[in-house]
């Protein structure tokens, strides 16, 4: 059975994905998680603590579904690893839908919440750096600033494609094709550097 903290964070991600950050009420979170409000305050202190930990939780969960390969699987070539890592953010599964929706809701709320904005900026920077490192494995002679800029563009595009797919503006296959094209374009630019 999942730990109480994990239960609460899973419930928070579900509620944020469905109702947004403004719709997150501690009493509803307690009911969704099957715990008391006192236990939520014990673990997270306040609403800001819940949001910060939920952001960390959805980042960790995304890392698991984008990097978790079978132990006995053949290692991927750098180009394949880059594409797979990014494309796994566009999976039509309940966990990915929930995670992507919750991320989008947290990002929207960060516009008005300075603490959340700082946490989200740090999480985004880590993601951009991870993608830049993958790009660097494919194009090892590209300069670091060019890799960082390409990582920024690809992650920003992926967020936009994800939101359009989740809101019905794009079919998932088309979103994935657009992302593949962007990866190819970024790699071509990096090879020219």
C-alpha atoms as a PDB file:
ATOM      1  CA  UNK A   1       0.000   0.000   0.000  1.00  0.00           C
ATOM      2  CA  UNK A   2       1.211   3.477  -0.827  1.00  0.00           C
ATOM      3  CA  UNK A   3       2.443   5.633   2.018  1.00  0.00           C
ATOM      4  CA  UNK A   4       0.016   8.216   3.367  1.00  0.00           C
ATOM      5  CA  UNK A   5       2.130  11.014   1.912  1.00  0.00           C
ATOM      6  CA  UNK A   6       2.050   9.391  -1.537  1.00  0.00           C
ATOM      7  CA  UNK A   7      -1.713   8.870  -1.228  1.00  0.00           C
ATOM      8  CA  UNK A   8      -2.171  12.560  -0.468  1.00  0.00           C
ATOM      9  CA  UNK A   9       0.097  13.660  -3.328  1.00  0.00           C
ATOM     10  CA  UNK A  10      -1.647  11.365  -5.812  1.00  0.00           C
ATOM     11  CA  UNK A  11      -4.986  12.805  -4.701  1.00  0.00           C
ATOM     12  CA  UNK A  12      -3.633  16.363  -4.966  1.00  0.00           C
ATOM     13  CA  UNK A  13      -2.395  15.745  -8.522  1.00  0.00           C
ATOM     14  CA  UNK A  14      -5.808  14.308  -9.466  1.00  0.00           C
ATOM     15  CA  UNK A  15      -7.706  17.240  -7.967  1.00  0.00           C
ATOM     16  CA  UNK A  16      -5.406  19.870  -9.477  1.00  0.00           C
ATOM     17  CA  UNK A  17      -5.663  18.197 -12.888  1.00  0.00           C
ATOM     18  CA  UNK A  18      -9.469  18.167 -12.662  1.00  0.00           C
ATOM     19  CA  UNK A  19     -10.251  21.424 -10.857  1.00  0.00           C
ATOM     20  CA  UNK A  20      -7.109  23.522 -11.030  1.00  0.00           C
ATOM     21  CA  UNK A  21      -5.069  24.955  -8.193  1.00  0.00           C
ATOM     22  CA  UNK A  22      -7.813  27.366  -7.162  1.00  0.00           C
ATOM     23  CA  UNK A  23     -10.207  24.431  -6.866  1.00  0.00           C
ATOM     24  CA  UNK A  24      -7.941  22.594  -4.435  1.00  0.00           C
ATOM     25  CA  UNK A  25      -9.576  22.568  -0.995  1.00  0.00           C
ATOM     26  CA  UNK A  26      -7.883  20.776   1.878  1.00  0.00           C
ATOM     27  CA  UNK A  27     -11.170  19.194   2.987  1.00  0.00           C
ATOM     28  CA  UNK A  28     -11.771  17.787  -0.520  1.00  0.00           C
ATOM     29  CA  UNK A  29      -8.162  16.649  -0.720  1.00  0.00           C
ATOM     30  CA  UNK A  30      -8.560  14.792   2.574  1.00  0.00           C
ATOM     31  CA  UNK A  31     -11.718  13.086   1.297  1.00  0.00           C
ATOM     32  CA  UNK A  32     -10.065  12.194  -2.042  1.00  0.00           C
ATOM     33  CA  UNK A  33      -7.005  10.767  -0.258  1.00  0.00           C
ATOM     34  CA  UNK A  34      -9.037   9.030   2.440  1.00  0.00           C
ATOM     35  CA  UNK A  35      -7.229  10.802   5.294  1.00  0.00           C
ATOM     36  CA  UNK A  36      -8.001  13.510   7.833  1.00  0.00           C
ATOM     37  CA  UNK A  37      -7.310  17.186   7.225  1.00  0.00           C
ATOM     38  CA  UNK A  38      -5.097  17.085  10.305  1.00  0.00           C
ATOM     39  CA  UNK A  39      -2.854  14.505   8.632  1.00  0.00           C
ATOM     40  CA  UNK A  40      -2.528  16.718   5.562  1.00  0.00           C
ATOM     41  CA  UNK A  41      -1.497  19.682   7.704  1.00  0.00           C
ATOM     42  CA  UNK A  42       0.884  17.432   9.653  1.00  0.00           C
ATOM     43  CA  UNK A  43       2.696  16.380   6.453  1.00  0.00           C
ATOM     44  CA  UNK A  44       2.507  19.625   4.464  1.00  0.00           C
ATOM     45  CA  UNK A  45       1.953  22.456   7.008  1.00  0.00           C
ATOM     46  CA  UNK A  46      -0.177  24.610   4.677  1.00  0.00           C
ATOM     47  CA  UNK A  47      -1.636  24.915   1.191  1.00  0.00           C
ATOM     48  CA  UNK A  48       1.665  26.213  -0.215  1.00  0.00           C
ATOM     49  CA  UNK A  49       3.397  23.114   1.155  1.00  0.00           C
ATOM     50  CA  UNK A  50       0.825  20.914  -0.564  1.00  0.00           C
ATOM     51  CA  UNK A  51       1.401  22.696  -3.884  1.00  0.00           C
ATOM     52  CA  UNK A  52       5.190  22.581  -3.609  1.00  0.00           C
ATOM     53  CA  UNK A  53       5.219  18.889  -2.782  1.00  0.00           C
ATOM     54  CA  UNK A  54       2.685  18.119  -5.507  1.00  0.00           C
ATOM     55  CA  UNK A  55       4.902  19.866  -8.059  1.00  0.00           C
ATOM     56  CA  UNK A  56       7.842  17.772  -6.900  1.00  0.00           C
ATOM     57  CA  UNK A  57       5.671  14.635  -7.006  1.00  0.00           C
ATOM     58  CA  UNK A  58       4.516  15.192 -10.592  1.00  0.00           C
ATOM     59  CA  UNK A  59       8.101  15.933 -11.673  1.00  0.00           C
ATOM     60  CA  UNK A  60       9.301  12.689 -10.093  1.00  0.00           C
ATOM     61  CA  UNK A  61       6.441  10.761 -11.674  1.00  0.00           C
ATOM     62  CA  UNK A  62       7.213  12.256 -15.109  1.00  0.00           C
ATOM     63  CA  UNK A  63      10.853  11.292 -14.712  1.00  0.00           C
ATOM     64  CA  UNK A  64       9.818   7.707 -13.989  1.00  0.00           C
ATOM     65  CA  UNK A  65       7.625   7.371 -17.068  1.00  0.00           C
ATOM     66  CA  UNK A  66      10.063   9.142 -19.402  1.00  0.00           C
ATOM     67  CA  UNK A  67      13.275   7.436 -18.288  1.00  0.00           C
ATOM     68  CA  UNK A  68      12.161   4.096 -16.852  1.00  0.00           C
ATOM     69  CA  UNK A  69      13.363   1.414 -19.239  1.00  0.00           C
ATOM     70  CA  UNK A  70      13.432  -2.281 -18.540  1.00  0.00           C
ATOM     71  CA  UNK A  71      16.670  -3.319 -16.865  1.00  0.00           C
ATOM     72  CA  UNK A  72      17.379  -5.882 -19.568  1.00  0.00           C
ATOM     73  CA  UNK A  73      16.539  -3.517 -22.461  1.00  0.00           C
ATOM     74  CA  UNK A  74      19.246  -2.663 -24.941  1.00  0.00           C
ATOM     75  CA  UNK A  75      20.602   0.850 -24.402  1.00  0.00           C
ATOM     76  CA  UNK A  76      19.313   3.412 -26.877  1.00  0.00           C
ATOM     77  CA  UNK A  77      21.488   5.454 -29.183  1.00  0.00           C
ATOM     78  CA  UNK A  78      21.653   9.105 -28.018  1.00  0.00           C
ATOM     79  CA  UNK A  79      19.278  10.327 -30.783  1.00  0.00           C
ATOM     80  CA  UNK A  80      16.737   7.606 -29.923  1.00  0.00           C
ATOM     81  CA  UNK A  81      17.003   8.358 -26.201  1.00  0.00           C
ATOM     82  CA  UNK A  82      16.361  12.060 -26.820  1.00  0.00           C
ATOM     83  CA  UNK A  83      13.292  11.384 -28.961  1.00  0.00           C
ATOM     84  CA  UNK A  84      11.904   8.729 -26.628  1.00  0.00           C
ATOM     85  CA  UNK A  85      12.331  10.889 -23.524  1.00  0.00           C
ATOM     86  CA  UNK A  86      10.429  13.781 -25.108  1.00  0.00           C
ATOM     87  CA  UNK A  87       7.781  11.703 -26.885  1.00  0.00           C
ATOM     88  CA  UNK A  88       6.923   9.793 -23.713  1.00  0.00           C
ATOM     89  CA  UNK A  89       5.453  13.067 -22.425  1.00  0.00           C
ATOM     90  CA  UNK A  90       2.799  12.633 -25.127  1.00  0.00           C
ATOM     91  CA  UNK A  91       1.333   9.269 -24.124  1.00  0.00           C
ATOM     92  CA  UNK A  92      -2.390   8.750 -23.968  1.00  0.00           C
ATOM     93  CA  UNK A  93      -2.376   7.178 -20.507  1.00  0.00           C
ATOM     94  CA  UNK A  94      -4.226   8.295 -17.379  1.00  0.00           C
ATOM     95  CA  UNK A  95      -0.998   9.073 -15.508  1.00  0.00           C
ATOM     96  CA  UNK A  96       0.461  11.194 -18.310  1.00  0.00           C
ATOM     97  CA  UNK A  97      -2.849  13.004 -18.876  1.00  0.00           C
ATOM     98  CA  UNK A  98      -3.147  13.732 -15.152  1.00  0.00           C
ATOM     99  CA  UNK A  99       0.483  14.770 -14.789  1.00  0.00           C
ATOM    100  CA  UNK A 100       0.429  17.044 -17.830  1.00  0.00           C
ATOM    101  CA  UNK A 101      -2.870  18.627 -16.786  1.00  0.00           C
ATOM    102  CA  UNK A 102      -1.638  19.214 -13.228  1.00  0.00           C
ATOM    103  CA  UNK A 103       1.639  20.696 -14.545  1.00  0.00           C
ATOM    104  CA  UNK A 104      -0.316  23.078 -16.772  1.00  0.00           C
ATOM    105  CA  UNK A 105      -2.577  24.122 -13.889  1.00  0.00           C
ATOM    106  CA  UNK A 106       0.414  24.716 -11.611  1.00  0.00           C
ATOM    107  CA  UNK A 107       2.112  26.748 -14.339  1.00  0.00           C
ATOM    108  CA  UNK A 108      -0.997  28.896 -14.818  1.00  0.00           C
ATOM    109  CA  UNK A 109      -1.292  29.510 -11.075  1.00  0.00           C
ATOM    110  CA  UNK A 110       2.379  30.446 -10.808  1.00  0.00           C
ATOM    111  CA  UNK A 111       1.549  33.664 -12.642  1.00  0.00           C
ATOM    112  CA  UNK A 112      -0.101  34.866  -9.408  1.00  0.00           C
ATOM    113  CA  UNK A 113       1.925  32.961  -6.789  1.00  0.00           C
ATOM    114  CA  UNK A 114       5.549  34.026  -6.376  1.00  0.00           C
ATOM    115  CA  UNK A 115       6.600  30.997  -4.279  1.00  0.00           C
ATOM    116  CA  UNK A 116       5.082  28.576  -6.768  1.00  0.00           C
ATOM    117  CA  UNK A 117       6.617  30.590  -9.624  1.00  0.00           C
ATOM    118  CA  UNK A 118      10.103  30.146  -8.163  1.00  0.00           C
ATOM    119  CA  UNK A 119       9.598  26.405  -7.616  1.00  0.00           C
ATOM    120  CA  UNK A 120       8.239  25.978 -11.129  1.00  0.00           C
ATOM    121  CA  UNK A 121      11.106  27.990 -12.613  1.00  0.00           C
ATOM    122  CA  UNK A 122      13.603  25.696 -10.859  1.00  0.00           C
ATOM    123  CA  UNK A 123      11.792  22.562 -12.036  1.00  0.00           C
ATOM    124  CA  UNK A 124      11.645  23.906 -15.588  1.00  0.00           C
ATOM    125  CA  UNK A 125      15.338  24.789 -15.542  1.00  0.00           C
ATOM    126  CA  UNK A 126      16.221  21.237 -14.475  1.00  0.00           C
ATOM    127  CA  UNK A 127      14.075  19.841 -17.294  1.00  0.00           C
ATOM    128  CA  UNK A 128      15.682  22.171 -19.859  1.00  0.00           C
ATOM    129  CA  UNK A 129      19.145  21.162 -18.628  1.00  0.00           C
ATOM    130  CA  UNK A 130      18.269  17.465 -18.892  1.00  0.00           C
ATOM    131  CA  UNK A 131      17.090  17.919 -22.477  1.00  0.00           C
ATOM    132  CA  UNK A 132      20.168  20.041 -23.284  1.00  0.00           C
ATOM    133  CA  UNK A 133      22.369  17.228 -21.937  1.00  0.00           C
ATOM    134  CA  UNK A 134      20.591  14.717 -24.185  1.00  0.00           C
ATOM    135  CA  UNK A 135      21.035  17.060 -27.146  1.00  0.00           C
ATOM    136  CA  UNK A 136      24.719  17.311 -26.233  1.00  0.00           C
ATOM    137  CA  UNK A 137      25.061  13.537 -26.399  1.00  0.00           C
ATOM    138  CA  UNK A 138      23.741  13.644 -29.966  1.00  0.00           C
ATOM    139  CA  UNK A 139      25.748  16.727 -31.013  1.00  0.00           C
ATOM    140  CA  UNK A 140      28.796  16.763 -28.703  1.00  0.00           C
ATOM    141  CA  UNK A 141      30.530  19.604 -30.537  1.00  0.00           C
ATOM    142  CA  UNK A 142      27.625  22.053 -30.183  1.00  0.00           C
ATOM    143  CA  UNK A 143      28.315  24.956 -27.799  1.00  0.00           C
ATOM    144  CA  UNK A 144      26.585  24.870 -24.413  1.00  0.00           C
ATOM    145  CA  UNK A 145      24.518  28.042 -24.989  1.00  0.00           C
ATOM    146  CA  UNK A 146      23.138  26.583 -28.239  1.00  0.00           C
ATOM    147  CA  UNK A 147      22.263  23.327 -26.454  1.00  0.00           C
ATOM    148  CA  UNK A 148      20.501  25.253 -23.673  1.00  0.00           C
ATOM    149  CA  UNK A 149      18.520  27.330 -26.186  1.00  0.00           C
ATOM    150  CA  UNK A 150      17.487  24.198 -28.106  1.00  0.00           C
ATOM    151  CA  UNK A 151      16.466  22.515 -24.841  1.00  0.00           C
ATOM    152  CA  UNK A 152      14.391  25.579 -23.944  1.00  0.00           C
ATOM    153  CA  UNK A 153      12.631  25.596 -27.313  1.00  0.00           C
ATOM    154  CA  UNK A 154      11.881  21.859 -27.275  1.00  0.00           C
ATOM    155  CA  UNK A 155      10.495  21.832 -23.726  1.00  0.00           C
ATOM    156  CA  UNK A 156       8.388  24.935 -24.383  1.00  0.00           C
ATOM    157  CA  UNK A 157       7.038  23.391 -27.582  1.00  0.00           C
ATOM    158  CA  UNK A 158       6.310  20.139 -25.789  1.00  0.00           C
ATOM    159  CA  UNK A 159       4.304  21.970 -23.110  1.00  0.00           C
ATOM    160  CA  UNK A 160       2.286  23.772 -25.775  1.00  0.00           C
ATOM    161  CA  UNK A 161       1.668  20.611 -27.797  1.00  0.00           C
ATOM    162  CA  UNK A 162       0.650  18.778 -24.657  1.00  0.00           C
ATOM    163  CA  UNK A 163      -1.890  21.442 -23.691  1.00  0.00           C
ATOM    164  CA  UNK A 164      -3.324  21.536 -27.211  1.00  0.00           C
ATOM    165  CA  UNK A 165      -3.608  17.749 -27.271  1.00  0.00           C
ATOM    166  CA  UNK A 166      -5.185  17.583 -23.815  1.00  0.00           C
ATOM    167  CA  UNK A 167      -7.694  20.319 -24.682  1.00  0.00           C
ATOM    168  CA  UNK A 168      -8.659  18.679 -27.975  1.00  0.00           C
ATOM    169  CA  UNK A 169      -6.900  21.113 -30.301  1.00  0.00           C
ATOM    170  CA  UNK A 170      -4.560  18.466 -31.717  1.00  0.00           C
ATOM    171  CA  UNK A 171      -4.655  14.731 -32.222  1.00  0.00           C
ATOM    172  CA  UNK A 172      -1.887  13.008 -30.286  1.00  0.00           C
ATOM    173  CA  UNK A 173      -0.300  11.494 -33.402  1.00  0.00           C
ATOM    174  CA  UNK A 174      -0.076  14.942 -34.997  1.00  0.00           C
ATOM    175  CA  UNK A 175       1.411  16.404 -31.811  1.00  0.00           C
ATOM    176  CA  UNK A 176       4.022  13.635 -31.777  1.00  0.00           C
ATOM    177  CA  UNK A 177       4.839  14.245 -35.484  1.00  0.00           C
ATOM    178  CA  UNK A 178       5.275  17.963 -34.816  1.00  0.00           C
ATOM    179  CA  UNK A 179       7.602  17.198 -31.921  1.00  0.00           C
ATOM    180  CA  UNK A 180       9.645  14.784 -34.050  1.00  0.00           C
ATOM    181  CA  UNK A 181       9.988  17.497 -36.703  1.00  0.00           C
ATOM    182  CA  UNK A 182      11.131  19.997 -34.091  1.00  0.00           C
ATOM    183  CA  UNK A 183      13.732  17.554 -32.750  1.00  0.00           C
ATOM    184  CA  UNK A 184      15.068  17.077 -36.291  1.00  0.00           C
ATOM    185  CA  UNK A 185      15.155  20.847 -36.876  1.00  0.00           C
ATOM    186  CA  UNK A 186      16.958  21.543 -33.588  1.00  0.00           C
ATOM    187  CA  UNK A 187      19.538  18.838 -34.259  1.00  0.00           C
ATOM    188  CA  UNK A 188      20.145  20.227 -37.752  1.00  0.00           C
ATOM    189  CA  UNK A 189      20.715  23.704 -36.267  1.00  0.00           C
ATOM    190  CA  UNK A 190      23.068  22.318 -33.643  1.00  0.00           C
ATOM    191  CA  UNK A 191      25.121  20.475 -36.265  1.00  0.00           C
ATOM    192  CA  UNK A 192      25.689  23.808 -38.043  1.00  0.00           C
ATOM    193  CA  UNK A 193      27.208  25.366 -34.888  1.00  0.00           C
END
